[in-house]
Amino acid sequence: MKIYIKNMVSLRCILKVREELDKLGITYRNVILGEATLNEILTQEKKILLKKELRNSGLDIIEDKKSVLTERIKMSIIEFLDINLEIKESKFSSYLEKKLKLNYKYLANVFSQKMSVSISHSLLLYKIEKAKELISYNELNMSEIAFRLHFSSLAHFSYTFNKIEGIYPSKYNTNQKRICLEELIDRERVNKINKFPFLQEIKTERKRGLSSRVYPLEIANNNYI
């Protein structure tokens, strides 16, 4: 049996999930980012207890199919840039299709509907956050960082970094705190609602089948709705 867990972003989260499973006497085969493969079917009582303990650590079990898929996409973004340093597939859409065995267009639509931010933009935000981390290590030069994060060139990397952060990577202050993917996406959603205050209203109307409003092309092209 597999359970899917929200907000797992690091090895520490994996260790925490293992700890809680062990405490409850739940046997498992494997725990990776976003999921745990159990050797047993959870009783309702154990599931409630596990949920309670995970929530105390900022984690949670997710059961809705689209929410599970969205979480797996987030974990794939982290894995693509953080975990598997030797991933040879430089195109994330191809990597994601192979990993989740689903069409990228479908995955992109599900993610945008659930998160109000596109996969491509979420990946870009996390690339820049990962770039900050690599800069702070002072082990790679800018060209090596650009290559490591699958940018087409150093110029492309510098342009993108400046567009998102307002400064070029060579001027970045390495003492700044890193931000996790979940927080980056949440911040972007808030920014979009502040930029387009009618977004939330349109989304609510569409869920109820009430909205036929035309909205700016910029929003449509970026999957903001």
C-alpha atoms as a PDB file:
ATOM      1  CA  MET A   1       0.000   0.000   0.000  1.00  0.00           C
ATOM      2  CA  LYS A   2       1.242   3.494  -0.881  1.00  0.00           C
ATOM      3  CA  ILE A   3       0.441   6.655   1.033  1.00  0.00           C
ATOM      4  CA  TYR A   4       1.225  10.099  -0.326  1.00  0.00           C
ATOM      5  CA  ILE A   5       2.495  12.812   1.994  1.00  0.00           C
ATOM      6  CA  LYS A   6       2.385  16.558   1.498  1.00  0.00           C
ATOM      7  CA  ASN A   7       5.278  18.979   2.173  1.00  0.00           C
ATOM      8  CA  MET A   8       8.129  16.447   2.142  1.00  0.00           C
ATOM      9  CA  VAL A   9      11.052  18.470   0.813  1.00  0.00           C
ATOM     10  CA  SER A  10      14.223  17.001   2.311  1.00  0.00           C
ATOM     11  CA  LEU A  11      15.996  14.015   3.843  1.00  0.00           C
ATOM     12  CA  ARG A  12      14.916  15.295   7.273  1.00  0.00           C
ATOM     13  CA  CYS A  13      11.271  14.876   6.216  1.00  0.00           C
ATOM     14  CA  ILE A  14      11.955  11.312   5.093  1.00  0.00           C
ATOM     15  CA  LEU A  15      13.557  10.506   8.444  1.00  0.00           C
ATOM     16  CA  LYS A  16      10.601  12.072  10.284  1.00  0.00           C
ATOM     17  CA  VAL A  17       8.075   9.955   8.384  1.00  0.00           C
ATOM     18  CA  ARG A  18      10.109   6.812   9.107  1.00  0.00           C
ATOM     19  CA  GLU A  19      10.235   7.762  12.788  1.00  0.00           C
ATOM     20  CA  GLU A  20       6.450   8.182  13.011  1.00  0.00           C
ATOM     21  CA  LEU A  21       5.801   4.924  11.168  1.00  0.00           C
ATOM     22  CA  ASP A  22       8.147   3.093  13.526  1.00  0.00           C
ATOM     23  CA  LYS A  23       6.499   4.633  16.604  1.00  0.00           C
ATOM     24  CA  LEU A  24       3.083   3.414  15.456  1.00  0.00           C
ATOM     25  CA  GLY A  25       4.383  -0.042  14.557  1.00  0.00           C
ATOM     26  CA  ILE A  26       3.568   0.408  10.873  1.00  0.00           C
ATOM     27  CA  THR A  27       5.930  -1.662   8.729  1.00  0.00           C
ATOM     28  CA  TYR A  28       7.104  -0.188   5.443  1.00  0.00           C
ATOM     29  CA  ARG A  29       9.203  -1.128   2.437  1.00  0.00           C
ATOM     30  CA  ASN A  30      10.414   2.333   1.478  1.00  0.00           C
ATOM     31  CA  VAL A  31      10.010   6.052   2.193  1.00  0.00           C
ATOM     32  CA  ILE A  32      10.958   8.633  -0.439  1.00  0.00           C
ATOM     33  CA  LEU A  33      10.038  12.261  -1.037  1.00  0.00           C
ATOM     34  CA  GLY A  34       6.258  12.506  -1.159  1.00  0.00           C
ATOM     35  CA  GLU A  35       5.366   8.882  -0.552  1.00  0.00           C
ATOM     36  CA  ALA A  36       5.761   5.814   1.621  1.00  0.00           C
ATOM     37  CA  THR A  37       5.270   2.211   0.515  1.00  0.00           C
ATOM     38  CA  LEU A  38       3.804   0.198   3.380  1.00  0.00           C
ATOM     39  CA  ASN A  39       3.791  -3.546   3.967  1.00  0.00           C
ATOM     40  CA  GLU A  40       0.244  -3.411   5.291  1.00  0.00           C
ATOM     41  CA  ILE A  41      -3.110  -1.767   4.722  1.00  0.00           C
ATOM     42  CA  LEU A  42      -3.634   1.004   7.268  1.00  0.00           C
ATOM     43  CA  THR A  43      -6.565   0.672   9.625  1.00  0.00           C
ATOM     44  CA  GLN A  44      -8.655   3.813  10.044  1.00  0.00           C
ATOM     45  CA  GLU A  45      -7.390   4.127  13.609  1.00  0.00           C
ATOM     46  CA  LYS A  46      -3.723   4.031  12.582  1.00  0.00           C
ATOM     47  CA  LYS A  47      -4.355   6.419   9.697  1.00  0.00           C
ATOM     48  CA  ILE A  48      -5.885   8.993  12.074  1.00  0.00           C
ATOM     49  CA  LEU A  49      -2.965   8.638  14.503  1.00  0.00           C
ATOM     50  CA  LEU A  50      -0.393   8.917  11.707  1.00  0.00           C
ATOM     51  CA  LYS A  51      -2.094  11.996  10.265  1.00  0.00           C
ATOM     52  CA  LYS A  52      -2.072  13.646  13.678  1.00  0.00           C
ATOM     53  CA  GLU A  53       1.646  13.003  14.231  1.00  0.00           C
ATOM     54  CA  LEU A  54       2.619  14.096  10.722  1.00  0.00           C
ATOM     55  CA  ARG A  55       0.641  17.322  11.029  1.00  0.00           C
ATOM     56  CA  ASN A  56       2.617  18.186  14.153  1.00  0.00           C
ATOM     57  CA  SER A  57       5.680  18.280  11.864  1.00  0.00           C
ATOM     58  CA  GLY A  58       4.024  20.248   9.057  1.00  0.00           C
ATOM     59  CA  LEU A  59       3.347  17.138   6.968  1.00  0.00           C
ATOM     60  CA  ASP A  60       0.047  15.545   5.987  1.00  0.00           C
ATOM     61  CA  ILE A  61      -1.406  12.523   4.213  1.00  0.00           C
ATOM     62  CA  ILE A  62      -3.202  13.410   0.974  1.00  0.00           C
ATOM     63  CA  GLU A  63      -5.858  11.224  -0.635  1.00  0.00           C
ATOM     64  CA  ASP A  64      -7.521  13.309  -3.360  1.00  0.00           C
ATOM     65  CA  LYS A  65      -6.155  12.015  -6.701  1.00  0.00           C
ATOM     66  CA  LYS A  66      -5.368  15.411  -8.208  1.00  0.00           C
ATOM     67  CA  SER A  67      -3.786  16.615  -4.969  1.00  0.00           C
ATOM     68  CA  VAL A  68      -1.628  13.472  -4.936  1.00  0.00           C
ATOM     69  CA  LEU A  69      -0.590  14.118  -8.538  1.00  0.00           C
ATOM     70  CA  THR A  70       0.207  17.765  -7.779  1.00  0.00           C
ATOM     71  CA  GLU A  71       2.385  16.735  -4.849  1.00  0.00           C
ATOM     72  CA  ARG A  72       4.218  14.187  -6.996  1.00  0.00           C
ATOM     73  CA  ILE A  73       4.949  16.924  -9.543  1.00  0.00           C
ATOM     74  CA  LYS A  74       6.407  19.137  -6.786  1.00  0.00           C
ATOM     75  CA  MET A  75       8.578  16.268  -5.559  1.00  0.00           C
ATOM     76  CA  SER A  76       9.730  15.670  -9.136  1.00  0.00           C
ATOM     77  CA  ILE A  77      10.827  19.308  -9.421  1.00  0.00           C
ATOM     78  CA  ILE A  78      12.880  18.932  -6.226  1.00  0.00           C
ATOM     79  CA  GLU A  79      14.304  15.592  -7.335  1.00  0.00           C
ATOM     80  CA  PHE A  80      15.189  16.951 -10.787  1.00  0.00           C
ATOM     81  CA  LEU A  81      17.291  19.748  -9.274  1.00  0.00           C
ATOM     82  CA  ASP A  82      18.301  18.451  -5.828  1.00  0.00           C
ATOM     83  CA  ILE A  83      18.407  14.698  -5.471  1.00  0.00           C
ATOM     84  CA  ASN A  84      19.643  13.122  -8.687  1.00  0.00           C
ATOM     85  CA  LEU A  85      22.679  15.224  -9.509  1.00  0.00           C
ATOM     86  CA  GLU A  86      23.494  13.073 -12.521  1.00  0.00           C
ATOM     87  CA  ILE A  87      20.112  13.253 -14.270  1.00  0.00           C
ATOM     88  CA  LYS A  88      20.939  13.256 -17.973  1.00  0.00           C
ATOM     89  CA  GLU A  89      17.492  14.367 -19.152  1.00  0.00           C
ATOM     90  CA  SER A  90      17.774  18.146 -19.425  1.00  0.00           C
ATOM     91  CA  LYS A  91      14.158  18.753 -20.470  1.00  0.00           C
ATOM     92  CA  PHE A  92      11.939  18.626 -17.416  1.00  0.00           C
ATOM     93  CA  SER A  93       8.733  17.904 -19.345  1.00  0.00           C
ATOM     94  CA  SER A  94      10.290  14.705 -20.771  1.00  0.00           C
ATOM     95  CA  TYR A  95      11.656  13.729 -17.356  1.00  0.00           C
ATOM     96  CA  LEU A  96       8.227  14.252 -15.755  1.00  0.00           C
ATOM     97  CA  GLU A  97       6.380  12.242 -18.400  1.00  0.00           C
ATOM     98  CA  LYS A  98       8.780   9.315 -17.960  1.00  0.00           C
ATOM     99  CA  LYS A  99       8.595   9.462 -14.167  1.00  0.00           C
ATOM    100  CA  LEU A 100       4.817   9.782 -13.779  1.00  0.00           C
ATOM    101  CA  LYS A 101       3.876   7.957 -17.016  1.00  0.00           C
ATOM    102  CA  LEU A 102       1.325  10.618 -17.947  1.00  0.00           C
ATOM    103  CA  ASN A 103       1.084  13.191 -20.724  1.00  0.00           C
ATOM    104  CA  TYR A 104       2.791  16.469 -19.803  1.00  0.00           C
ATOM    105  CA  LYS A 105      -0.118  18.602 -21.043  1.00  0.00           C
ATOM    106  CA  TYR A 106      -2.476  16.777 -18.678  1.00  0.00           C
ATOM    107  CA  LEU A 107      -0.018  17.125 -15.781  1.00  0.00           C
ATOM    108  CA  ALA A 108       0.410  20.844 -16.506  1.00  0.00           C
ATOM    109  CA  ASN A 109      -3.368  21.405 -16.531  1.00  0.00           C
ATOM    110  CA  VAL A 110      -3.895  19.555 -13.237  1.00  0.00           C
ATOM    111  CA  PHE A 111      -1.036  21.421 -11.555  1.00  0.00           C
ATOM    112  CA  SER A 112      -2.234  24.844 -12.733  1.00  0.00           C
ATOM    113  CA  GLN A 113      -5.801  24.144 -11.613  1.00  0.00           C
ATOM    114  CA  LYS A 114      -4.684  23.074  -8.131  1.00  0.00           C
ATOM    115  CA  MET A 115      -1.857  25.564  -7.550  1.00  0.00           C
ATOM    116  CA  SER A 116      -2.769  28.605  -9.719  1.00  0.00           C
ATOM    117  CA  VAL A 117       0.875  28.588 -10.870  1.00  0.00           C
ATOM    118  CA  SER A 118       2.256  26.715 -13.887  1.00  0.00           C
ATOM    119  CA  ILE A 119       4.736  23.829 -13.664  1.00  0.00           C
ATOM    120  CA  SER A 120       7.239  25.708 -15.824  1.00  0.00           C
ATOM    121  CA  HIS A 121       7.156  28.799 -13.622  1.00  0.00           C
ATOM    122  CA  SER A 122       7.415  26.721 -10.435  1.00  0.00           C
ATOM    123  CA  LEU A 123      10.451  24.953 -11.887  1.00  0.00           C
ATOM    124  CA  LEU A 124      12.002  28.296 -12.819  1.00  0.00           C
ATOM    125  CA  LEU A 125      11.460  29.709  -9.316  1.00  0.00           C
ATOM    126  CA  TYR A 126      13.085  26.657  -7.760  1.00  0.00           C
ATOM    127  CA  LYS A 127      15.983  26.781 -10.223  1.00  0.00           C
ATOM    128  CA  ILE A 128      16.782  30.305  -9.070  1.00  0.00           C
ATOM    129  CA  GLU A 129      16.471  29.263  -5.415  1.00  0.00           C
ATOM    130  CA  LYS A 130      18.814  26.343  -6.092  1.00  0.00           C
ATOM    131  CA  ALA A 131      21.190  28.737  -7.872  1.00  0.00           C
ATOM    132  CA  LYS A 132      21.372  30.860  -4.694  1.00  0.00           C
ATOM    133  CA  GLU A 133      22.338  27.756  -2.727  1.00  0.00           C
ATOM    134  CA  LEU A 134      25.064  26.789  -5.206  1.00  0.00           C
ATOM    135  CA  ILE A 135      26.421  30.348  -5.259  1.00  0.00           C
ATOM    136  CA  SER A 136      26.644  30.339  -1.461  1.00  0.00           C
ATOM    137  CA  TYR A 137      28.736  27.131  -1.512  1.00  0.00           C
ATOM    138  CA  ASN A 138      31.344  28.960  -3.611  1.00  0.00           C
ATOM    139  CA  GLU A 139      32.375  25.677  -5.264  1.00  0.00           C
ATOM    140  CA  LEU A 140      31.142  26.293  -8.835  1.00  0.00           C
ATOM    141  CA  ASN A 141      31.561  29.292 -11.114  1.00  0.00           C
ATOM    142  CA  MET A 142      28.523  30.908 -12.753  1.00  0.00           C
ATOM    143  CA  SER A 143      28.893  28.974 -16.011  1.00  0.00           C
ATOM    144  CA  GLU A 144      29.014  25.673 -14.119  1.00  0.00           C
ATOM    145  CA  ILE A 145      25.921  26.630 -12.107  1.00  0.00           C
ATOM    146  CA  ALA A 146      24.069  27.554 -15.309  1.00  0.00           C
ATOM    147  CA  PHE A 147      24.954  24.157 -16.811  1.00  0.00           C
ATOM    148  CA  ARG A 148      24.093  22.282 -13.596  1.00  0.00           C
ATOM    149  CA  LEU A 149      20.606  23.856 -13.555  1.00  0.00           C
ATOM    150  CA  HIS A 150      19.932  23.166 -17.229  1.00  0.00           C
ATOM    151  CA  PHE A 151      20.010  26.761 -18.474  1.00  0.00           C
ATOM    152  CA  SER A 152      20.837  27.065 -22.169  1.00  0.00           C
ATOM    153  CA  SER A 153      23.687  29.511 -21.520  1.00  0.00           C
ATOM    154  CA  LEU A 154      25.280  31.725 -18.884  1.00  0.00           C
ATOM    155  CA  ALA A 155      23.530  34.723 -20.458  1.00  0.00           C
ATOM    156  CA  HIS A 156      20.155  32.981 -20.136  1.00  0.00           C
ATOM    157  CA  PHE A 157      20.879  32.145 -16.492  1.00  0.00           C
ATOM    158  CA  SER A 158      21.962  35.724 -15.646  1.00  0.00           C
ATOM    159  CA  TYR A 159      18.946  37.232 -17.426  1.00  0.00           C
ATOM    160  CA  THR A 160      16.489  34.905 -15.643  1.00  0.00           C
ATOM    161  CA  PHE A 161      18.105  35.430 -12.225  1.00  0.00           C
ATOM    162  CA  ASN A 162      17.939  39.205 -12.664  1.00  0.00           C
ATOM    163  CA  LYS A 163      14.328  39.076 -13.863  1.00  0.00           C
ATOM    164  CA  ILE A 164      13.187  37.158 -10.761  1.00  0.00           C
ATOM    165  CA  GLU A 165      15.509  38.577  -8.101  1.00  0.00           C
ATOM    166  CA  GLY A 166      16.137  42.094  -9.437  1.00  0.00           C
ATOM    167  CA  ILE A 167      19.923  41.602  -9.332  1.00  0.00           C
ATOM    168  CA  TYR A 168      22.485  39.607 -11.300  1.00  0.00           C
ATOM    169  CA  PRO A 169      23.839  36.394  -9.727  1.00  0.00           C
ATOM    170  CA  SER A 170      27.322  37.883  -9.339  1.00  0.00           C
ATOM    171  CA  LYS A 171      25.825  40.508  -6.974  1.00  0.00           C
ATOM    172  CA  TYR A 172      23.785  38.056  -4.906  1.00  0.00           C
ATOM    173  CA  ASN A 173      24.137  38.265  -1.104  1.00  0.00           C
ATOM    174  CA  THR A 174      24.901  34.698  -0.010  1.00  0.00           C
ATOM    175  CA  ASN A 175      23.686  35.316   3.554  1.00  0.00           C
ATOM    176  CA  GLN A 176      20.038  35.355   2.510  1.00  0.00           C
ATOM    177  CA  LYS A 177      17.790  32.535   3.720  1.00  0.00           C
ATOM    178  CA  ARG A 178      16.778  29.816   1.239  1.00  0.00           C
ATOM    179  CA  ILE A 179      13.068  29.265   0.540  1.00  0.00           C
ATOM    180  CA  CYS A 180      11.458  25.848   0.002  1.00  0.00           C
ATOM    181  CA  LEU A 181       9.400  25.056  -3.116  1.00  0.00           C
ATOM    182  CA  GLU A 182       6.078  25.052  -1.255  1.00  0.00           C
ATOM    183  CA  GLU A 183       6.730  28.548   0.075  1.00  0.00           C
ATOM    184  CA  LEU A 184       7.874  29.796  -3.345  1.00  0.00           C
ATOM    185  CA  ILE A 185       4.620  28.606  -4.933  1.00  0.00           C
ATOM    186  CA  ASP A 186       2.481  30.056  -2.128  1.00  0.00           C
ATOM    187  CA  ARG A 187       4.265  33.397  -2.433  1.00  0.00           C
ATOM    188  CA  GLU A 188       3.738  33.425  -6.199  1.00  0.00           C
ATOM    189  CA  ARG A 189       0.021  32.685  -5.789  1.00  0.00           C
ATOM    190  CA  VAL A 190      -0.338  35.611  -3.383  1.00  0.00           C
ATOM    191  CA  ASN A 191       1.586  37.868  -5.763  1.00  0.00           C
ATOM    192  CA  LYS A 192      -0.734  36.960  -8.631  1.00  0.00           C
ATOM    193  CA  ILE A 193      -3.863  37.577  -6.590  1.00  0.00           C
ATOM    194  CA  ASN A 194      -2.458  40.962  -5.545  1.00  0.00           C
ATOM    195  CA  LYS A 195      -1.583  41.755  -9.162  1.00  0.00           C
ATOM    196  CA  PHE A 196      -4.936  40.576 -10.504  1.00  0.00           C
ATOM    197  CA  PRO A 197      -7.423  40.988  -7.609  1.00  0.00           C
ATOM    198  CA  PHE A 198     -10.315  39.550  -9.621  1.00  0.00           C
ATOM    199  CA  LEU A 199      -8.548  36.182 -10.056  1.00  0.00           C
ATOM    200  CA  GLN A 200      -9.957  34.511  -6.953  1.00  0.00           C
ATOM    201  CA  GLU A 201     -13.453  35.711  -7.792  1.00  0.00           C
ATOM    202  CA  ILE A 202     -13.266  34.275 -11.326  1.00  0.00           C
ATOM    203  CA  LYS A 203     -11.904  30.952 -10.047  1.00  0.00           C
ATOM    204  CA  THR A 204     -14.766  30.667  -7.564  1.00  0.00           C
ATOM    205  CA  GLU A 205     -17.332  31.512 -10.252  1.00  0.00           C
ATOM    206  CA  ARG A 206     -15.865  28.953 -12.652  1.00  0.00           C
ATOM    207  CA  LYS A 207     -16.016  26.196 -10.060  1.00  0.00           C
ATOM    208  CA  ARG A 208     -19.719  26.963  -9.724  1.00  0.00           C
ATOM    209  CA  GLY A 209     -20.166  27.145 -13.520  1.00  0.00           C
ATOM    210  CA  LEU A 210     -21.136  30.811 -13.357  1.00  0.00           C
ATOM    211  CA  SER A 211     -18.276  32.655 -15.053  1.00  0.00           C
ATOM    212  CA  SER A 212     -17.938  33.401 -18.762  1.00  0.00           C
ATOM    213  CA  ARG A 213     -15.767  36.487 -18.272  1.00  0.00           C
ATOM    214  CA  VAL A 214     -12.953  37.277 -20.670  1.00  0.00           C
ATOM    215  CA  TYR A 215      -9.640  37.846 -18.900  1.00  0.00           C
ATOM    216  CA  PRO A 216      -6.296  39.298 -20.047  1.00  0.00           C
ATOM    217  CA  LEU A 217      -4.234  37.260 -22.504  1.00  0.00           C
ATOM    218  CA  GLU A 218      -1.239  37.520 -20.142  1.00  0.00           C
ATOM    219  CA  ILE A 219      -3.148  35.562 -17.502  1.00  0.00           C
ATOM    220  CA  ALA A 220      -4.428  32.941 -19.931  1.00  0.00           C
ATOM    221  CA  ASN A 221      -0.996  32.284 -21.384  1.00  0.00           C
ATOM    222  CA  ASN A 222       0.526  31.764 -17.943  1.00  0.00           C
ATOM    223  CA  ASN A 223      -2.181  29.412 -16.615  1.00  0.00           C
ATOM    224  CA  TYR A 224      -3.038  31.793 -13.787  1.00  0.00           C
ATOM    225  CA  ILE A 225      -6.625  30.598 -13.819  1.00  0.00           C
END
